[in-house]
Amino acid sequence: APGNKFPDVAFSHHFERLEVHGNQIRNIIPLNPGIPSQLVTLKVMGNQLTELPEEVALMPFLRILSVATNRLRSLPKGLSQLHELEWLLAYENCITDLPANLGPGCWTLTRLLLESNPLTPTALAELISDLSRSRIKTLGLDTSQVSMAVEALPNWEPLPSAVSVGTVLPISGCSQISLKLTRASQLRRDGIRSVAEPMGPPDPVTQPAALLIVAFGASQGEPEWLGFLRRLLELGEVKPCGETEGSLDELLKDADSDFDARMSRLWSNCPQDASSVTTQVRTTPSISLEDFDVLTVVDHRMRWYNEDRPALEKVLKDLRPKYSKMLFVGASMGGFGALLHGGPLADGVVAFNPQATLTEALLRPPAETQKDLEDLSQAVMDSVQTAKGRGAQITVHCAADEHLSHALALPSGIRLVVHPLQPRKPFARILDRARLLIPVVSDAIFRLLGTSPNDSQCTTMLGCWCRNGSLKYIKAEPGQIFRLFFGPGSAFIPRPGDWFCGSCQARNCRDRYFCWRCKPPSPITCPGTVKVLDNFNYPSRWDWGCTNCGAAMCGYQWRCSNCNAERPGTHWEPERT
């Protein structure tokens, strides 16, 4: 129940998830005091908490604890006993000291963000000294914390590479939107000192880079895009992604093909057999990618970056003269924020699955009246029109689900890429796992930094995935795309992991090993089979399929989990004497 006005919240020890960020909570009340809880995720950021109940230390299965942007003065002392804890986000509080042995005690802790807390130099020194005995990969601090520690501690040692230091930018009159400005090379340092350290690099506030990427967080209320942007910088160059191949007219004119056959053709560049993919060496232009600045923007109250909008716009407007180019990126709510604030300021915007017509959106901000949603929707439309009038590049990537209607509702003249699938998980994450997110953002930066961007690319296209991490575009009219996916004869749109039979082109769910239509049934390994990419490399050498019900099984399974049939070839009879 995030984004409401609850003053208090109670939880039972049977709960597995409690996500109440963006409320007005002052107290968390355990209904079963002293009894260990089953909670795995606890998100209470963006509230008015001054303390956490000690029962938080009685959550042995807790993996994600996000308490950012509250008024906490301390963390529970028993927190270091949570051996399953992976993420602890506690930035923007009033914490001065930390639980003893926090890093080594939480064996699986990999991400710890503590910016904008008045940590004592002693607490900070103990935390840093324990990093070598922990699994923490990212420790987020701000420049003021490091500067204070440097002044107070003698014999300063360089910070470990896991420490990521940036500057927290204040927003006048707004306490629920977090801004942190970081140089991309500081996200994971390798052989260089941190900002605010002696002999460290300059702060991006005083010496900005040429390019600023403003990364808007989604409704999860967490800083996003940091690991991705670090990997992008490591490539050292950006290049265009994909080629345009024909139009959708040919596919729609083929009256003999059914919906599955059409979808199979759109996925023809993703054969199930990865070894059959031939890599064509193409000479593509590229531009060197120098170190750039990253501004992470997080709206903990899920107000879609509209609450205190003038205050946020002022901060972004003050940054505008310092940078040659500004690129706004975001997904879902973050994509909406990128479009809403990018119109008058950004040189380019890349939004993934943004909502546009909020009155029809399944996920939308809280509002008092229907007109409030209509006004906010109109504000994002006006922002896109402003961006077009300024010559800014607006690119929207969306899946063939409800987000398609939102994307088609945006003003024409933007670059819209529709991907022929329905994602099970956040769309940008699916693209990243398919090795497509970096090429897509790299393409946007290439067009942004290029001296003569190709305005003819402002059109509507289908984005067909390729196994080699690229896209092939098919030009289409908005009406054609809507007719293809939702018109007469349309059926189930494929999801990640689904596959199309090489014999009959029928779509099969990821949990099937044999085609449901073929007689006799063709296996997923049949030549010509194409697959909707996901992060599972199925089938591997030892995986198998049940010949009784057609279900897909893993190599370690000796019986079908669906019908309990034995694995073919495993029947054993005792030897007779």
Protein backbone atom coordinates (compact mmCIF):
# COMPACT_ATOMS: atom_id res chain seq x y z
CA ALA A 1 0.00 0.00 0.00
CA PRO A 2 2.59 2.61 -1.02
CA GLY A 3 1.70 6.22 -1.78
CA ASN A 4 -1.15 6.69 0.70
CA LYS A 5 -1.68 8.61 3.96
CA PHE A 6 -1.46 5.89 6.60
CA PRO A 7 -0.24 7.29 9.96
CA ASP A 8 0.66 3.86 11.40
CA VAL A 9 1.12 0.33 10.15
CA ALA A 10 0.97 -3.04 11.88
CA PHE A 11 2.43 -6.30 10.64
CA SER A 12 2.00 -9.95 11.50
CA HIS A 13 4.85 -12.43 11.80
CA HIS A 14 3.24 -14.31 8.89
CA PHE A 15 3.85 -11.42 6.43
CA GLU A 16 6.48 -11.94 3.75
CA ARG A 17 6.38 -8.46 2.19
CA LEU A 18 5.53 -5.10 3.67
CA GLU A 19 5.80 -2.19 1.23
CA VAL A 20 4.27 0.99 2.63
CA HIS A 21 6.67 3.63 1.35
CA GLY A 22 5.39 7.11 0.64
CA ASN A 23 2.87 7.31 3.48
CA GLN A 24 2.85 9.35 6.70
CA ILE A 25 3.80 6.50 9.03
CA ARG A 26 5.15 7.37 12.45
CA ASN A 27 4.99 3.94 14.07
CA ILE A 28 5.48 0.34 12.93
CA ILE A 29 3.55 -1.93 15.29
CA PRO A 30 4.35 -5.68 15.48
CA LEU A 31 1.23 -7.70 16.19
CA ASN A 32 3.30 -10.56 17.61
CA PRO A 33 6.03 -8.95 19.74
CA GLY A 34 9.08 -11.09 20.34
CA ILE A 35 8.15 -13.69 17.69
CA PRO A 36 10.47 -14.07 14.65
CA SER A 37 8.89 -12.74 11.47
CA GLN A 38 8.78 -14.26 7.98
CA LEU A 39 9.34 -10.89 6.28
CA VAL A 40 11.61 -10.95 3.24
CA THR A 41 11.07 -7.35 2.07
CA LEU A 42 10.44 -4.31 4.27
CA LYS A 43 10.11 -0.95 2.49
CA VAL A 44 9.12 2.03 4.64
CA MET A 45 11.07 4.84 2.97
CA GLY A 46 9.53 8.27 2.61
CA ASN A 47 7.65 8.26 5.92
CA GLN A 48 8.07 10.01 9.30
CA LEU A 49 9.67 7.25 11.36
CA THR A 50 11.98 8.23 14.20
CA GLU A 51 12.80 4.66 15.25
CA LEU A 52 12.37 1.08 14.12
CA PRO A 53 10.97 -1.61 16.42
CA GLU A 54 13.51 -4.04 17.83
CA GLU A 55 11.49 -6.81 16.15
CA VAL A 56 13.28 -5.88 12.92
CA ALA A 57 16.26 -7.79 14.35
CA LEU A 58 13.94 -10.84 14.59
CA MET A 59 13.51 -11.18 10.83
CA PRO A 60 15.94 -13.97 9.89
CA PHE A 61 14.74 -14.11 6.27
CA LEU A 62 14.84 -10.36 5.60
CA ARG A 63 16.70 -9.58 2.35
CA ILE A 64 15.72 -5.97 1.54
CA LEU A 65 15.38 -3.27 4.18
CA SER A 66 14.70 0.23 2.85
CA VAL A 67 14.19 2.96 5.44
CA ALA A 68 15.48 5.94 3.44
CA THR A 69 14.13 9.47 3.86
CA ASN A 70 12.75 9.16 7.36
CA ARG A 71 13.85 10.70 10.66
CA LEU A 72 15.62 7.70 12.15
CA ARG A 73 18.19 8.48 14.81
CA SER A 74 19.56 4.94 14.97
CA LEU A 75 19.17 1.42 13.62
CA PRO A 76 18.27 -1.61 15.78
CA LYS A 77 21.34 -3.02 17.55
CA GLY A 78 20.55 -6.56 16.49
CA LEU A 79 20.56 -5.67 12.80
CA SER A 80 24.01 -7.24 12.36
CA GLN A 81 22.49 -10.64 13.11
CA LEU A 82 20.38 -10.64 9.93
CA HIS A 83 22.49 -13.06 7.92
CA GLU A 84 20.18 -13.02 4.87
CA LEU A 85 20.11 -9.22 4.48
CA GLU A 86 21.32 -8.14 1.02
CA TRP A 87 20.23 -4.49 0.69
CA LEU A 88 20.13 -1.85 3.41
CA LEU A 89 19.03 1.58 2.15
CA ALA A 90 19.12 4.08 5.01
CA TYR A 91 20.12 7.36 3.37
CA GLU A 92 18.60 10.72 4.34
CA ASN A 93 17.99 10.07 8.03
CA CYS A 94 19.48 11.39 11.27
CA ILE A 95 21.68 8.38 12.06
CA THR A 96 24.92 9.12 13.92
CA ASP A 97 26.10 5.63 14.91
CA LEU A 98 25.71 2.21 13.34
CA PRO A 99 25.21 -1.25 14.89
CA ALA A 100 28.51 -2.89 15.75
CA ASN A 101 29.92 -5.35 13.23
CA LEU A 102 27.26 -4.41 10.65
CA GLY A 103 29.18 -5.37 7.50
CA PRO A 104 30.76 -8.66 8.64
CA GLY A 105 27.69 -9.61 10.70
CA CYS A 106 25.31 -9.38 7.74
CA TRP A 107 27.06 -12.07 5.69
CA THR A 108 25.17 -11.46 2.47
CA LEU A 109 24.96 -7.64 2.60
CA THR A 110 26.08 -6.25 -0.77
CA ARG A 111 24.49 -2.78 -0.96
CA LEU A 112 24.58 -0.23 1.86
CA LEU A 113 23.53 3.38 1.20
CA LEU A 114 24.05 5.90 4.01
CA GLU A 115 24.20 9.31 2.34
CA SER A 116 22.82 12.38 4.15
CA ASN A 117 23.28 10.98 7.66
CA PRO A 118 25.35 12.83 10.30
CA LEU A 119 27.59 9.82 10.92
CA THR A 120 30.34 10.37 13.43
CA PRO A 121 33.91 10.02 12.08
CA THR A 122 34.43 7.06 14.43
CA ALA A 123 31.37 5.22 13.10
CA LEU A 124 32.44 5.90 9.53
CA ALA A 125 36.00 4.73 10.20
CA GLU A 126 34.80 1.47 11.79
CA LEU A 127 32.44 0.84 8.88
CA ILE A 128 35.18 1.38 6.30
CA SER A 129 37.68 -0.77 8.18
CA ASP A 130 35.16 -3.64 8.23
CA LEU A 131 34.65 -3.57 4.45
CA SER A 132 37.50 -6.01 3.85
CA ARG A 133 35.71 -8.54 6.08
CA SER A 134 32.32 -8.10 4.40
CA ARG A 135 30.70 -8.75 1.02
CA ILE A 136 29.59 -5.16 0.52
CA LYS A 137 30.03 -4.21 -3.14
CA THR A 138 28.52 -0.71 -2.91
CA LEU A 139 28.78 1.59 0.08
CA GLY A 140 27.10 4.91 -0.71
CA LEU A 141 28.46 8.00 1.06
CA ASP A 142 28.32 11.72 0.32
CA THR A 143 31.09 14.27 0.02
CA SER A 144 30.29 16.00 3.31
CA GLN A 145 30.60 12.74 5.25
CA VAL A 146 33.97 11.95 3.68
CA SER A 147 35.28 15.52 4.12
CA MET A 148 34.35 15.53 7.81
CA ALA A 149 36.02 12.16 8.36
CA VAL A 150 39.18 13.29 6.58
CA GLU A 151 39.46 16.32 8.87
CA ALA A 152 38.75 14.36 12.07
CA LEU A 153 40.83 11.22 11.51
CA PRO A 154 44.65 11.26 11.38
CA ASN A 155 46.59 8.99 8.99
CA TRP A 156 43.81 8.85 6.43
CA GLU A 157 43.87 5.75 4.22
CA PRO A 158 42.40 5.81 0.70
CA LEU A 159 38.82 4.58 0.55
CA PRO A 160 38.21 1.05 -0.78
CA SER A 161 36.88 0.75 -4.32
CA ALA A 162 33.46 -0.35 -3.02
CA VAL A 163 32.81 3.15 -1.64
CA SER A 164 30.79 5.33 -4.03
CA VAL A 165 30.89 9.03 -3.13
CA GLY A 166 28.68 11.75 -4.57
CA THR A 167 27.12 15.07 -3.65
CA VAL A 168 23.56 15.22 -2.33
CA LEU A 169 21.78 18.20 -3.87
CA PRO A 170 19.23 19.92 -1.64
CA ILE A 171 15.74 20.76 -2.88
CA SER A 172 14.24 23.80 -1.23
CA GLY A 173 10.91 23.00 0.40
CA CYS A 174 10.91 19.32 -0.63
CA SER A 175 12.02 16.46 1.60
CA GLN A 176 10.75 13.43 -0.32
CA ILE A 177 12.76 13.59 -3.54
CA SER A 178 16.39 12.54 -3.32
CA LEU A 179 19.08 13.88 -5.65
CA LYS A 180 22.65 12.62 -5.75
CA LEU A 181 25.21 13.88 -8.27
CA THR A 182 28.07 11.47 -8.99
CA ARG A 183 30.82 11.19 -11.58
CA ALA A 184 30.29 7.92 -13.45
CA SER A 185 33.87 6.79 -12.80
CA GLN A 186 33.13 7.06 -9.06
CA LEU A 187 30.32 4.49 -9.19
CA ARG A 188 32.88 1.67 -8.98
CA ARG A 189 36.37 3.05 -8.63
CA ASP A 190 39.34 1.10 -9.93
CA GLY A 191 42.70 2.53 -8.93
CA ILE A 192 41.53 6.12 -8.48
CA ARG A 193 40.78 8.07 -5.33
CA SER A 194 37.34 9.16 -4.28
CA VAL A 195 35.86 12.62 -4.49
CA ALA A 196 36.47 14.61 -1.26
CA GLU A 197 39.59 12.58 -0.44
CA PRO A 198 43.05 14.17 -0.35
CA MET A 199 44.42 14.21 -3.92
CA GLY A 200 41.05 12.98 -5.16
CA PRO A 201 39.31 14.08 -8.37
CA PRO A 202 37.22 17.28 -8.41
CA ASP A 203 33.61 17.30 -7.32
CA PRO A 204 31.24 17.38 -10.33
CA VAL A 205 29.44 20.26 -8.64
CA THR A 206 32.50 22.48 -9.16
CA GLN A 207 33.90 20.89 -12.33
CA PRO A 208 31.08 19.21 -14.26
CA ALA A 209 31.60 16.89 -17.20
CA ALA A 210 30.26 17.61 -20.67
CA LEU A 211 27.38 15.11 -20.43
CA LEU A 212 24.85 14.72 -17.61
CA ILE A 213 22.57 11.68 -17.47
CA VAL A 214 19.57 12.24 -15.18
CA ALA A 215 18.27 8.84 -14.04
CA PHE A 216 14.73 8.85 -12.64
CA GLY A 217 13.82 5.97 -10.32
CA ALA A 218 10.69 3.87 -10.82
CA SER A 219 7.92 3.23 -8.30
CA GLN A 220 10.12 0.89 -6.25
CA GLY A 221 11.52 4.06 -4.68
CA GLU A 222 15.19 3.10 -5.05
CA PRO A 223 18.17 4.62 -6.87
CA GLU A 224 18.35 2.96 -10.28
CA TRP A 225 20.56 2.81 -13.36
CA LEU A 226 23.86 3.15 -11.45
CA GLY A 227 25.28 -0.30 -12.18
CA PHE A 228 24.09 -0.07 -15.77
CA LEU A 229 25.69 3.35 -16.35
CA ARG A 230 28.95 2.12 -14.86
CA ARG A 231 29.00 -0.73 -17.38
CA LEU A 232 28.17 1.71 -20.16
CA LEU A 233 31.16 3.89 -19.24
CA GLU A 234 33.47 0.87 -19.22
CA LEU A 235 32.72 0.29 -22.91
CA GLY A 236 34.39 3.61 -23.71
CA GLU A 237 32.32 4.29 -26.83
CA VAL A 238 28.76 4.59 -28.07
CA LYS A 239 27.41 3.50 -31.43
CA PRO A 240 24.09 3.24 -33.28
CA CYS A 241 21.93 0.23 -32.66
CA GLY A 242 19.98 -1.65 -35.28
CA GLU A 243 19.01 -1.39 -38.93
CA THR A 244 15.68 -0.71 -40.57
CA GLU A 245 14.43 -3.63 -42.66
CA GLY A 246 11.22 -3.12 -44.62
CA SER A 247 7.80 -2.24 -43.30
CA LEU A 248 4.91 -3.98 -41.58
CA ASP A 249 2.80 -3.97 -44.74
CA GLU A 250 4.28 -7.26 -45.95
CA LEU A 251 3.48 -9.06 -42.71
CA LEU A 252 -0.10 -7.79 -42.55
CA LYS A 253 -0.79 -8.60 -46.21
CA ASP A 254 0.03 -12.27 -45.64
CA ALA A 255 -3.56 -13.41 -45.06
CA ASP A 256 -2.61 -17.11 -44.91
CA SER A 257 -0.46 -16.77 -41.79
CA ASP A 258 -2.05 -16.91 -38.36
CA PHE A 259 -1.03 -14.76 -35.40
CA ASP A 260 1.59 -17.20 -34.10
CA ALA A 261 3.21 -17.41 -37.53
CA ARG A 262 3.46 -13.63 -37.69
CA MET A 263 5.00 -13.45 -34.23
CA SER A 264 7.42 -16.22 -35.19
CA ARG A 265 8.65 -14.11 -38.09
CA LEU A 266 9.23 -11.16 -35.78
CA TRP A 267 11.44 -13.38 -33.60
CA SER A 268 13.25 -15.10 -36.46
CA ASN A 269 16.56 -13.51 -35.43
CA CYS A 270 16.51 -15.35 -32.11
CA PRO A 271 16.98 -19.05 -32.98
CA GLN A 272 16.80 -21.48 -30.10
CA ASP A 273 20.16 -22.94 -31.11
CA ALA A 274 22.60 -20.16 -30.25
CA SER A 275 25.38 -21.91 -32.16
CA SER A 276 23.51 -21.33 -35.41
CA VAL A 277 23.85 -17.56 -35.07
CA THR A 278 26.38 -16.17 -37.52
CA THR A 279 28.07 -12.96 -36.48
CA GLN A 280 28.35 -10.53 -39.35
CA VAL A 281 31.19 -8.10 -39.06
CA ARG A 282 29.81 -4.66 -39.85
CA THR A 283 31.66 -1.41 -39.75
CA THR A 284 29.56 0.98 -37.70
CA PRO A 285 30.50 4.50 -36.72
CA SER A 286 31.21 5.14 -33.06
CA ILE A 287 31.91 8.07 -30.75
CA SER A 288 34.27 7.94 -27.80
CA LEU A 289 32.39 8.13 -24.50
CA GLU A 290 34.23 10.28 -21.99
CA ASP A 291 33.53 10.29 -18.27
CA PHE A 292 30.10 11.78 -17.57
CA ASP A 293 28.03 12.84 -14.57
CA VAL A 294 25.02 10.96 -13.20
CA LEU A 295 22.17 12.54 -11.27
CA THR A 296 19.93 9.96 -9.59
CA VAL A 297 16.40 11.17 -8.82
CA VAL A 298 14.13 9.18 -6.50
CA ASP A 299 10.54 10.02 -5.56
CA HIS A 300 9.88 8.06 -2.35
CA ARG A 301 6.26 9.17 -2.05
CA MET A 302 5.27 7.84 -5.49
CA ARG A 303 3.89 11.21 -6.56
CA TRP A 304 5.38 10.71 -10.02
CA TYR A 305 7.76 13.65 -9.66
CA ASN A 306 4.83 16.03 -9.59
CA GLU A 307 4.81 16.88 -5.89
CA ASP A 308 6.82 20.06 -5.35
CA ARG A 309 7.48 20.07 -9.08
CA PRO A 310 8.66 23.71 -9.22
CA ALA A 311 11.35 22.98 -6.60
CA LEU A 312 12.69 20.01 -8.59
CA GLU A 313 12.50 21.98 -11.85
CA LYS A 314 14.57 24.75 -10.28
CA VAL A 315 17.38 22.35 -9.34
CA LEU A 316 17.42 20.85 -12.83
CA LYS A 317 17.24 24.30 -14.43
CA ASP A 318 20.23 25.47 -12.37
CA LEU A 319 22.24 22.50 -13.66
CA ARG A 320 21.36 23.14 -17.31
CA PRO A 321 23.99 25.85 -18.07
CA LYS A 322 26.79 23.68 -16.66
CA TYR A 323 26.43 20.88 -19.22
CA SER A 324 26.75 20.71 -22.97
CA LYS A 325 24.26 17.83 -23.19
CA MET A 326 21.63 16.43 -20.83
CA LEU A 327 19.97 13.03 -21.28
CA PHE A 328 16.99 12.04 -19.12
CA VAL A 329 16.29 8.29 -18.71
CA GLY A 330 13.71 6.33 -16.74
CA ALA A 331 11.34 3.36 -16.77
CA SER A 332 7.64 3.24 -15.84
CA MET A 333 7.15 6.00 -13.25
CA GLY A 334 10.74 7.05 -13.91
CA GLY A 335 10.00 7.25 -17.63
CA PHE A 336 7.02 9.46 -16.86
CA GLY A 337 9.28 11.70 -14.77
CA ALA A 338 11.87 11.88 -17.55
CA LEU A 339 9.20 13.00 -20.03
CA LEU A 340 7.56 15.40 -17.58
CA HIS A 341 10.77 17.26 -16.68
CA GLY A 342 12.74 16.74 -19.87
CA GLY A 343 10.61 18.89 -22.15
CA PRO A 344 12.10 22.32 -21.41
CA LEU A 345 15.57 21.12 -20.35
CA ALA A 346 16.83 17.85 -21.81
CA ASP A 347 18.59 17.42 -25.14
CA GLY A 348 17.32 13.85 -25.21
CA VAL A 349 14.89 11.61 -23.33
CA VAL A 350 14.78 7.80 -23.30
CA ALA A 351 11.69 6.40 -21.56
CA PHE A 352 10.85 2.72 -21.13
CA ASN A 353 7.19 1.72 -20.70
CA PRO A 354 6.05 5.13 -19.45
CA GLN A 355 2.45 5.77 -18.52
CA ALA A 356 0.88 8.74 -20.30
CA THR A 357 -2.91 8.63 -19.89
CA LEU A 358 -3.01 8.26 -16.12
CA THR A 359 -6.78 7.95 -15.91
CA GLU A 360 -6.49 4.58 -17.68
CA ALA A 361 -3.23 3.36 -16.11
CA LEU A 362 -3.13 0.37 -13.78
CA LEU A 363 -0.20 1.96 -11.94
CA ARG A 364 -0.70 5.67 -11.32
CA PRO A 365 -0.07 8.35 -8.72
CA PRO A 366 -2.52 9.09 -5.91
CA ALA A 367 -4.93 11.89 -6.73
CA GLU A 368 -7.84 13.60 -5.03
CA THR A 369 -9.97 13.83 -8.18
CA GLN A 370 -10.10 12.46 -11.71
CA LYS A 371 -9.26 15.92 -13.02
CA ASP A 372 -5.95 15.88 -11.13
CA LEU A 373 -4.92 12.83 -13.16
CA GLU A 374 -6.13 14.43 -16.38
CA ASP A 375 -4.15 17.60 -15.66
CA LEU A 376 -0.98 15.61 -14.93
CA SER A 377 -1.43 13.61 -18.14
CA GLN A 378 -1.83 16.84 -20.08
CA ALA A 379 1.32 18.20 -18.41
CA VAL A 380 3.40 15.34 -19.77
CA MET A 381 1.86 15.79 -23.24
CA ASP A 382 2.73 19.49 -23.16
CA SER A 383 6.27 18.67 -22.04
CA VAL A 384 6.76 16.34 -25.01
CA GLN A 385 5.45 19.04 -27.35
CA THR A 386 7.89 21.51 -25.80
CA ALA A 387 10.76 19.09 -26.32
CA LYS A 388 9.79 18.64 -29.97
CA GLY A 389 9.67 22.39 -30.46
CA ARG A 390 13.18 22.69 -29.05
CA GLY A 391 14.49 19.94 -31.32
CA ALA A 392 15.15 17.52 -28.45
CA GLN A 393 15.25 13.81 -29.22
CA ILE A 394 12.44 11.86 -27.56
CA THR A 395 12.67 8.06 -27.69
CA VAL A 396 10.10 5.76 -26.13
CA HIS A 397 10.52 1.99 -25.91
CA CYS A 398 7.45 0.02 -24.91
CA ALA A 399 6.23 -3.56 -24.84
CA ALA A 400 3.07 -4.82 -26.53
CA ASP A 401 0.97 -4.56 -23.38
CA GLU A 402 -1.08 -1.78 -21.77
CA HIS A 403 1.91 0.56 -22.14
CA LEU A 404 1.44 0.48 -25.92
CA SER A 405 -1.79 2.50 -25.66
CA HIS A 406 0.03 5.03 -23.45
CA ALA A 407 2.89 5.35 -25.93
CA LEU A 408 0.55 5.79 -28.88
CA ALA A 409 -1.26 8.54 -26.97
CA LEU A 410 1.90 10.67 -26.85
CA PRO A 411 2.25 13.42 -29.46
CA SER A 412 3.38 12.22 -32.88
CA GLY A 413 6.83 12.94 -34.18
CA ILE A 414 8.74 11.10 -31.46
CA ARG A 415 10.79 7.95 -31.97
CA LEU A 416 8.60 5.09 -30.75
CA VAL A 417 9.94 1.51 -30.69
CA VAL A 418 7.42 -1.24 -29.89
CA HIS A 419 8.82 -4.61 -28.79
CA PRO A 420 6.66 -7.66 -29.68
CA LEU A 421 6.36 -9.23 -26.23
CA GLN A 422 4.62 -8.97 -22.88
CA PRO A 423 7.28 -8.84 -20.16
CA ARG A 424 6.81 -10.73 -16.91
CA LYS A 425 9.13 -8.34 -15.06
CA PRO A 426 10.07 -4.66 -15.40
CA PHE A 427 10.67 -4.02 -19.08
CA ALA A 428 14.05 -2.31 -18.78
CA ARG A 429 15.32 -5.24 -16.73
CA ILE A 430 14.17 -7.67 -19.41
CA LEU A 431 16.05 -5.64 -22.03
CA ASP A 432 19.17 -5.66 -19.88
CA ARG A 433 19.09 -9.42 -19.42
CA ALA A 434 18.72 -9.83 -23.17
CA ARG A 435 21.86 -7.65 -23.65
CA LEU A 436 19.80 -4.96 -25.38
CA LEU A 437 19.60 -2.15 -22.83
CA ILE A 438 23.18 -0.98 -23.33
CA PRO A 439 22.85 -0.89 -27.15
CA VAL A 440 19.56 1.04 -26.87
CA VAL A 441 20.93 3.71 -24.50
CA SER A 442 24.23 3.77 -26.39
CA ASP A 443 22.28 4.54 -29.56
CA ALA A 444 20.50 7.44 -27.82
CA ILE A 445 23.79 8.91 -26.61
CA PHE A 446 25.34 8.46 -30.07
CA ARG A 447 22.52 10.43 -31.69
CA LEU A 448 22.75 13.01 -28.91
CA LEU A 449 26.49 13.57 -29.29
CA GLY A 450 26.52 13.32 -33.07
CA THR A 451 26.92 16.50 -35.05
CA SER A 452 24.03 15.73 -37.40
CA PRO A 453 21.33 13.55 -35.79
CA ASN A 454 19.09 11.66 -38.16
CA ASP A 455 15.69 13.32 -37.83
CA SER A 456 14.17 10.74 -40.14
CA GLN A 457 14.36 8.24 -37.27
CA CYS A 458 11.48 10.06 -35.54
CA THR A 459 8.93 7.43 -36.47
CA THR A 460 7.08 4.38 -35.18
CA MET A 461 8.83 1.03 -35.50
CA LEU A 462 8.74 -2.55 -34.34
CA GLY A 463 11.94 -3.55 -32.56
CA CYS A 464 12.83 -7.15 -33.44
CA TRP A 465 15.43 -8.67 -31.12
CA CYS A 466 18.56 -10.42 -32.28
CA ARG A 467 20.61 -12.94 -30.34
CA ASN A 468 23.78 -10.94 -30.93
CA GLY A 469 22.50 -8.04 -28.81
CA SER A 470 21.14 -5.78 -31.54
CA LEU A 471 17.78 -4.76 -32.98
CA LYS A 472 16.24 -4.84 -36.42
CA TYR A 473 13.56 -2.23 -36.99
CA ILE A 474 10.39 -2.61 -39.06
CA LYS A 475 8.69 0.65 -39.97
CA ALA A 476 5.00 0.79 -39.20
CA GLU A 477 2.09 3.14 -38.72
CA PRO A 478 0.56 3.36 -35.22
CA GLY A 479 -2.72 1.91 -36.50
CA GLN A 480 -0.89 -1.05 -38.03
CA ILE A 481 0.85 -1.89 -34.77
CA PHE A 482 -2.39 -1.74 -32.81
CA ARG A 483 -4.12 -3.90 -35.42
CA LEU A 484 -1.28 -6.45 -35.35
CA PHE A 485 -1.37 -7.04 -31.59
CA PHE A 486 -5.00 -6.33 -30.71
CA GLY A 487 -6.97 -6.50 -33.97
CA PRO A 488 -9.01 -9.36 -35.48
CA GLY A 489 -7.15 -12.67 -35.37
CA SER A 490 -4.75 -11.62 -32.64
CA ALA A 491 -3.97 -14.11 -29.88
CA PHE A 492 -1.63 -14.38 -26.93
CA ILE A 493 1.37 -12.09 -27.21
CA PRO A 494 4.56 -14.01 -26.36
CA ARG A 495 6.33 -13.64 -23.04
CA PRO A 496 10.05 -14.02 -22.26
CA GLY A 497 11.00 -17.68 -22.49
CA ASP A 498 8.18 -18.65 -24.88
CA TRP A 499 9.19 -20.37 -28.11
CA PHE A 500 7.79 -20.90 -31.59
CA CYS A 501 7.89 -24.38 -33.04
CA GLY A 502 10.22 -24.81 -36.00
CA SER A 503 7.70 -27.16 -37.69
CA CYS A 504 4.36 -25.38 -37.31
CA GLN A 505 5.25 -21.91 -35.85
CA ALA A 506 2.87 -22.43 -32.91
CA ARG A 507 3.64 -20.49 -29.75
CA ASN A 508 4.55 -22.62 -26.75
CA CYS A 509 4.89 -21.45 -23.16
CA ARG A 510 8.27 -21.65 -21.51
CA ASP A 511 7.11 -24.57 -19.36
CA ARG A 512 6.64 -26.85 -22.40
CA TYR A 513 9.34 -28.99 -23.98
CA PHE A 514 7.19 -30.41 -26.79
CA CYS A 515 4.94 -28.44 -29.13
CA TRP A 516 1.26 -28.66 -28.25
CA ARG A 517 0.12 -28.56 -31.88
CA CYS A 518 2.47 -30.88 -33.79
CA LYS A 519 1.62 -34.55 -34.32
CA PRO A 520 3.95 -36.15 -33.34
CA PRO A 521 5.01 -33.29 -31.05
CA SER A 522 8.21 -31.48 -32.00
CA PRO A 523 10.67 -30.67 -29.20
CA ILE A 524 12.04 -27.23 -28.41
CA THR A 525 15.33 -28.39 -29.96
CA CYS A 526 13.63 -28.85 -33.35
CA PRO A 527 15.54 -27.06 -36.15
CA GLY A 528 13.99 -23.71 -36.98
CA THR A 529 12.66 -23.07 -33.48
CA VAL A 530 12.91 -19.44 -32.37
CA LYS A 531 12.71 -18.21 -28.80
CA VAL A 532 11.73 -15.03 -26.98
CA LEU A 533 14.94 -14.23 -25.14
CA ASP A 534 15.13 -14.31 -21.36
CA ASN A 535 17.91 -14.83 -18.85
CA PHE A 536 17.55 -18.64 -18.76
CA ASN A 537 19.64 -20.65 -21.19
CA TYR A 538 17.11 -23.46 -21.53
CA PRO A 539 17.47 -26.22 -22.52
CA SER A 540 20.99 -27.15 -21.49
CA ARG A 541 22.66 -30.43 -22.33
CA TRP A 542 20.93 -32.53 -19.66
CA ASP A 543 17.48 -30.93 -19.68
CA TRP A 544 14.61 -33.06 -20.93
CA GLY A 545 10.90 -33.08 -21.68
CA CYS A 546 8.12 -35.31 -20.42
CA THR A 547 6.77 -37.44 -23.27
CA ASN A 548 3.54 -37.95 -21.33
CA CYS A 549 2.41 -34.34 -20.81
CA GLY A 550 5.02 -32.33 -22.76
CA ALA A 551 6.29 -30.35 -19.74
CA ALA A 552 9.85 -28.98 -19.68
CA MET A 553 12.10 -30.49 -17.02
CA CYS A 554 15.58 -29.64 -15.76
CA GLY A 555 18.44 -32.10 -15.78
CA TYR A 556 18.35 -32.69 -12.02
CA GLN A 557 14.72 -33.84 -12.11
CA TRP A 558 14.13 -37.58 -12.45
CA ARG A 559 10.35 -37.42 -12.49
CA CYS A 560 7.96 -35.00 -14.16
CA SER A 561 6.80 -32.41 -11.64
CA ASN A 562 3.53 -32.08 -13.58
CA CYS A 563 2.32 -35.67 -14.05
CA ASN A 564 4.92 -37.65 -12.02
CA ALA A 565 5.97 -39.70 -15.05
CA GLU A 566 9.49 -41.13 -15.00
CA ARG A 567 12.25 -39.59 -17.05
CA PRO A 568 12.65 -41.53 -20.32
CA GLY A 569 15.45 -44.08 -20.10
CA THR A 570 15.65 -44.12 -16.30
CA HIS A 571 13.46 -47.14 -15.55
CA TRP A 572 15.41 -49.66 -13.49
CA GLU A 573 14.55 -53.25 -12.58
CA PRO A 574 16.48 -55.40 -10.09
CA GLU A 575 18.70 -58.02 -11.66
CA ARG A 576 17.28 -61.53 -11.42
CA THR A 577 19.52 -64.34 -10.19
